[in-house]
Amino acid sequence: MLSLALAAHAGLFLSAFGAATLLPLQSEAVLVGLLLGGQYSVWTLLLAASLGNVLGSLVNWVLGRGIERWRDRRWFPVSAQTLEKAQARYQRFGSWSLLLSWAPVIGDPLTLIAGVMREPLWRFLLLVTLAKVGRYAILAWLTLG
């Protein structure tokens, strides 16, 4: 039974990790399914999902720290104008915007831009962790009542 529990938590961790990167994955459905199954502790599921999601966001931050060196390459995925616009928005709203890192569509690019903008790691981790844990905790509460 331990290996089944380990597999469930590892699967949740990996789906949450992937969902936090720029990959189009969803971890919420995995978490809800495991919560509704009732076989595992809510706290260990929240820990696995949150840890995976925060570490996935950290990958984006690290990528952002080094992405500008390729800015002028033809294959670069966004135009210089788009990158500058994203940087200006981040500058305007500041690090508090990382509290929206949980949000679909804008959350993942926001964590990447935080790396580009050289957001200090401690502040990045604090704000992103608050956002990600909060989102999963609310989802668990809504799922289980």
Protein backbone atom coordinates (compact mmCIF):
# COMPACT_ATOMS: atom_id res chain seq x y z
CA MET A 1 0.00 0.00 0.00
CA LEU A 2 2.95 2.31 0.64
CA SER A 3 4.04 2.09 -2.97
CA LEU A 4 0.54 3.06 -4.12
CA ALA A 5 0.56 6.06 -1.78
CA LEU A 6 4.03 7.01 -2.97
CA ALA A 7 2.94 6.73 -6.59
CA ALA A 8 -0.16 8.86 -5.96
CA HIS A 9 1.82 11.59 -4.22
CA ALA A 10 4.63 11.45 -6.80
CA GLY A 11 2.10 11.72 -9.63
CA LEU A 12 0.50 14.72 -7.96
CA PHE A 13 3.92 16.30 -7.39
CA LEU A 14 4.90 15.80 -11.05
CA SER A 15 1.61 17.12 -12.41
CA ALA A 16 1.89 20.19 -10.15
CA PHE A 17 5.53 20.68 -11.13
CA GLY A 18 4.74 20.46 -14.85
CA ALA A 19 1.68 22.69 -14.51
CA ALA A 20 3.81 25.46 -12.99
CA THR A 21 6.22 25.46 -15.90
CA LEU A 22 5.19 26.73 -19.30
CA LEU A 23 3.81 23.27 -20.16
CA PRO A 24 0.02 23.11 -20.63
CA LEU A 25 -0.73 20.72 -17.74
CA GLN A 26 -3.40 20.73 -15.04
CA SER A 27 -2.75 19.59 -11.48
CA GLU A 28 -6.06 20.64 -9.97
CA ALA A 29 -7.93 17.66 -11.44
CA VAL A 30 -5.33 15.26 -10.02
CA LEU A 31 -5.59 16.85 -6.58
CA VAL A 32 -9.40 16.82 -6.60
CA GLY A 33 -9.45 13.18 -7.69
CA LEU A 34 -7.09 12.15 -4.90
CA LEU A 35 -9.02 14.21 -2.35
CA LEU A 36 -12.32 12.66 -3.37
CA GLY A 37 -10.78 9.19 -3.21
CA GLY A 38 -10.33 9.78 0.50
CA GLN A 39 -7.36 7.39 0.82
CA TYR A 40 -4.67 9.95 1.59
CA SER A 41 -4.14 12.72 4.09
CA VAL A 42 -5.28 16.12 2.89
CA TRP A 43 -2.10 17.61 4.37
CA THR A 44 0.29 15.30 2.50
CA LEU A 45 -1.59 15.91 -0.74
CA LEU A 46 -1.42 19.69 -0.20
CA LEU A 47 2.29 19.37 0.57
CA ALA A 48 3.01 17.34 -2.59
CA ALA A 49 1.00 19.66 -4.84
CA SER A 50 2.39 22.85 -3.32
CA LEU A 51 5.99 21.68 -3.33
CA GLY A 52 5.77 20.56 -6.95
CA ASN A 53 4.10 23.77 -8.05
CA VAL A 54 6.55 26.06 -6.24
CA LEU A 55 9.54 24.14 -7.62
CA GLY A 56 8.06 24.35 -11.14
CA SER A 57 7.75 28.11 -10.71
CA LEU A 58 11.35 28.19 -9.53
CA VAL A 59 12.36 26.59 -12.85
CA ASN A 60 10.63 29.49 -14.63
CA TRP A 61 12.46 32.01 -12.42
CA VAL A 62 15.83 30.36 -13.20
CA LEU A 63 15.02 30.35 -16.94
CA GLY A 64 14.07 34.01 -16.69
CA ARG A 65 17.42 34.85 -15.10
CA GLY A 66 19.24 33.64 -18.20
CA ILE A 67 16.77 34.17 -21.01
CA GLU A 68 17.76 37.69 -22.01
CA ARG A 69 21.11 36.62 -23.39
CA TRP A 70 19.21 35.05 -26.31
CA ARG A 71 16.84 37.97 -26.78
CA ASP A 72 18.20 38.98 -30.21
CA ARG A 73 18.22 35.47 -31.67
CA ARG A 74 15.86 34.76 -34.53
CA TRP A 75 14.43 31.67 -32.80
CA PHE A 76 13.69 33.53 -29.54
CA PRO A 77 10.04 32.71 -28.66
CA VAL A 78 8.85 36.29 -28.00
CA SER A 79 9.60 39.57 -29.66
CA ALA A 80 11.78 42.14 -27.95
CA GLN A 81 8.74 44.42 -27.79
CA THR A 82 6.64 41.77 -26.03
CA LEU A 83 9.41 41.11 -23.51
CA GLU A 84 9.83 44.83 -22.83
CA LYS A 85 6.08 45.21 -22.36
CA ALA A 86 6.04 42.33 -19.85
CA GLN A 87 8.98 43.84 -18.00
CA ALA A 88 7.25 47.23 -17.85
CA ARG A 89 4.09 45.64 -16.41
CA TYR A 90 6.10 43.77 -13.82
CA GLN A 91 7.97 46.96 -12.92
CA ARG A 92 4.65 48.79 -12.59
CA PHE A 93 3.00 46.26 -10.26
CA GLY A 94 6.16 45.00 -8.57
CA SER A 95 6.81 41.83 -6.68
CA TRP A 96 3.30 41.80 -5.18
CA SER A 97 2.07 40.70 -8.59
CA LEU A 98 3.60 37.30 -7.78
CA LEU A 99 0.57 36.70 -5.57
CA LEU A 100 -1.17 36.09 -8.92
CA SER A 101 1.27 33.33 -9.84
CA TRP A 102 -1.50 30.80 -9.17
CA ALA A 103 -3.70 32.26 -11.93
CA PRO A 104 -4.18 30.49 -15.25
CA VAL A 105 -2.58 32.06 -18.33
CA ILE A 106 -0.70 34.86 -16.52
CA GLY A 107 0.84 32.98 -13.59
CA ASP A 108 3.53 30.99 -15.36
CA PRO A 109 4.83 33.85 -17.55
CA LEU A 110 4.77 36.06 -14.46
CA THR A 111 7.23 33.76 -12.67
CA LEU A 112 9.48 33.79 -15.73
CA ILE A 113 9.44 37.60 -15.91
CA ALA A 114 10.25 37.74 -12.18
CA GLY A 115 13.50 35.98 -13.06
CA VAL A 116 14.18 38.38 -15.92
CA MET A 117 13.59 41.29 -13.53
CA ARG A 118 16.05 39.77 -11.02
CA GLU A 119 13.45 39.42 -8.27
CA PRO A 120 15.34 38.31 -5.14
CA LEU A 121 14.95 34.58 -4.64
CA TRP A 122 13.75 34.83 -1.02
CA ARG A 123 10.94 37.24 -1.95
CA PHE A 124 10.03 35.22 -5.03
CA LEU A 125 9.77 32.00 -3.01
CA LEU A 126 7.80 33.66 -0.21
CA LEU A 127 5.17 35.24 -2.46
CA VAL A 128 4.87 32.32 -4.87
CA THR A 129 4.57 29.84 -1.98
CA LEU A 130 1.79 31.92 -0.41
CA ALA A 131 -0.06 32.02 -3.72
CA LYS A 132 0.36 28.35 -4.61
CA VAL A 133 -0.41 26.95 -1.14
CA GLY A 134 -3.39 29.28 -0.86
CA ARG A 135 -4.81 28.13 -4.18
CA TYR A 136 -4.49 24.43 -3.33
CA ALA A 137 -5.87 24.95 0.19
CA ILE A 138 -8.93 26.75 -1.17
CA LEU A 139 -9.41 24.03 -3.79
CA ALA A 140 -9.24 21.35 -1.06
CA TRP A 141 -11.69 23.26 1.10
CA LEU A 142 -14.13 23.68 -1.82
CA THR A 143 -13.76 20.00 -2.71
CA LEU A 144 -14.22 18.58 0.78
CA GLY A 145 -16.50 21.25 2.24
